[in-house]
Protein backbone atom coordinates (compact mmCIF):
# COMPACT_ATOMS: atom_id res chain seq x y z
CA MET A 1 -6.84 35.47 104.53
CA SER A 2 -8.39 38.88 105.13
CA ILE A 3 -9.59 40.17 108.49
CA THR A 4 -13.14 39.97 107.13
CA ALA A 5 -12.69 36.29 106.28
CA LEU A 6 -11.30 35.63 109.77
CA PHE A 7 -14.23 37.44 111.39
CA VAL A 8 -16.92 35.61 109.40
CA THR A 9 -15.16 32.27 110.01
CA ALA A 10 -15.12 32.96 113.76
CA LEU A 11 -18.77 34.01 113.73
CA GLY A 12 -19.83 30.92 111.79
CA GLY A 13 -17.68 28.71 114.03
CA GLY A 14 -19.25 30.11 117.18
CA LEU A 15 -22.73 29.49 115.85
CA GLY A 16 -21.80 25.99 114.66
CA ALA A 17 -20.37 25.04 118.06
CA VAL A 18 -23.48 26.30 119.87
CA ALA A 19 -25.74 24.46 117.41
CA ARG A 20 -23.74 21.23 117.89
CA PHE A 21 -24.00 21.52 121.67
CA HIS A 22 -27.76 22.10 121.69
CA LEU A 23 -28.52 19.44 119.09
CA GLY A 24 -26.34 16.97 121.01
CA VAL A 25 -28.28 17.67 124.22
CA LEU A 26 -31.60 17.30 122.40
CA ILE A 27 -30.56 13.99 120.82
CA LYS A 28 -29.28 12.65 124.15
CA ARG A 29 -32.70 13.37 125.68
CA GLN A 30 -34.51 11.56 122.86
CA ILE A 31 -32.22 8.62 122.00
CA SER A 32 -30.44 6.23 124.33
CA GLN A 33 -26.67 6.55 124.39
CA GLU A 34 -26.32 2.96 125.58
CA GLY A 35 -23.98 1.01 123.34
CA LEU A 36 -23.13 3.80 120.90
CA PRO A 37 -22.63 7.56 121.35
CA ASN A 38 -25.56 8.27 119.05
CA ALA A 39 -25.64 12.03 119.59
CA MET A 40 -22.23 12.73 118.07
CA LEU A 41 -22.73 10.09 115.40
CA ILE A 42 -25.91 11.86 114.25
CA VAL A 43 -24.38 15.34 114.57
CA ASN A 44 -21.27 14.41 112.56
CA VAL A 45 -23.24 12.70 109.79
CA LEU A 46 -25.70 15.60 109.64
CA GLY A 47 -22.83 18.10 109.57
CA SER A 48 -21.14 16.22 106.74
CA PHE A 49 -24.39 16.32 104.81
CA GLY A 50 -24.72 20.06 105.46
CA LEU A 51 -21.19 20.76 104.28
CA GLY A 52 -21.71 18.59 101.20
CA LEU A 53 -24.97 20.37 100.43
CA MET A 54 -23.27 23.74 100.77
CA MET A 55 -20.41 22.70 98.49
CA GLY A 56 -22.84 21.31 95.96
CA LEU A 57 -24.80 24.55 95.91
CA LEU A 58 -21.81 26.90 95.88
CA PHE A 59 -19.36 25.02 93.72
CA ASP A 60 -21.39 22.38 91.91
CA GLY A 61 -19.23 19.82 93.72
CA VAL A 62 -15.98 19.98 95.64
CA VAL A 63 -13.92 23.09 94.99
CA ALA A 64 -10.38 22.47 93.76
CA SER A 65 -8.94 25.95 94.34
CA ASP A 66 -8.14 28.15 97.31
CA SER A 67 -10.37 30.94 95.96
CA VAL A 68 -13.69 30.63 97.77
CA PRO A 69 -16.48 33.13 98.42
CA LEU A 70 -16.82 34.76 101.82
CA VAL A 71 -20.02 32.83 102.48
CA PHE A 72 -17.98 29.61 102.48
CA TYR A 73 -15.73 30.93 105.24
CA PHE A 74 -18.83 31.57 107.33
CA GLY A 75 -20.74 28.38 106.53
CA GLY A 76 -18.21 25.81 105.36
CA THR A 77 -15.10 26.51 107.38
CA GLY A 78 -16.90 28.21 110.25
CA PHE A 79 -20.36 26.76 110.91
CA TRP A 80 -20.05 23.22 109.53
CA GLY A 81 -16.41 22.97 110.63
CA ALA A 82 -17.36 23.72 114.23
CA PHE A 83 -20.64 21.81 114.07
CA THR A 84 -18.87 18.53 113.38
CA THR A 85 -16.32 17.23 115.84
CA TYR A 86 -13.62 14.73 115.08
CA SER A 87 -12.12 15.23 118.54
CA THR A 88 -15.29 14.13 120.37
CA PHE A 89 -15.63 11.22 117.97
CA SER A 90 -12.08 10.14 118.90
CA VAL A 91 -12.70 10.47 122.64
CA GLU A 92 -15.92 8.48 122.48
CA ALA A 93 -14.33 5.73 120.38
CA ILE A 94 -11.48 5.40 122.89
CA GLN A 95 -13.96 5.37 125.80
CA LEU A 96 -15.72 2.40 124.21
CA ILE A 97 -12.38 0.62 123.75
CA LYS A 98 -11.41 1.29 127.39
CA LYS A 99 -14.72 -0.28 128.44
CA LYS A 100 -13.72 -3.30 126.31
CA ALA A 101 -16.79 -2.69 124.13
CA PHE A 102 -14.86 -3.61 121.01
CA GLY A 103 -17.88 -4.41 118.84
CA PRO A 104 -19.64 -1.12 119.56
CA ALA A 105 -16.33 0.75 119.15
CA CYS A 106 -15.76 -0.73 115.69
CA LEU A 107 -19.38 -0.10 114.72
CA TYR A 108 -19.15 3.52 115.92
CA VAL A 109 -15.94 4.15 113.97
CA ILE A 110 -17.29 2.54 110.79
CA LEU A 111 -20.68 4.28 110.99
CA SER A 112 -19.09 7.63 111.77
CA ILE A 113 -16.59 7.55 108.93
CA ALA A 114 -18.68 5.80 106.28
CA GLY A 115 -21.87 7.61 107.31
CA SER A 116 -20.20 11.01 107.17
CA PHE A 117 -18.61 10.22 103.81
CA VAL A 118 -21.88 9.01 102.26
CA ALA A 119 -23.84 11.93 103.77
CA PHE A 120 -21.32 14.40 102.35
CA LEU A 121 -21.56 12.83 98.88
CA LEU A 122 -25.35 12.85 99.08
CA GLY A 123 -25.28 16.54 99.96
CA VAL A 124 -22.85 17.40 97.15
CA PHE A 125 -24.77 15.54 94.45
CA LEU A 126 -28.29 16.42 95.60
CA PHE A 127 -28.31 19.42 93.31
């Protein structure tokens, strides 16, 4: 990977992380977090859709090679990679389990994984 690719990935990642933080705060103000951590669920599904949309536009689907344009390092690896957060998803799922909220924990895991997968596919095949 070139220094340019590293720089644009870092720039996109920084912007994606900031966008995730601010959108998460906005969602938490608007939607109750009782029962399910809705903010990260929405952010992760939206981010999966965004990445799918980008891949659909750039590659007409999912790219099968390591040769990608610089814009993908910025948007795909950087922005959308930092916008979504598997680590926070994991923490919130475990927090629900520790609270013995097994139903909501299972629902959160299923909605997060299936929702992100479906949103990604929708984004890829929209164009």
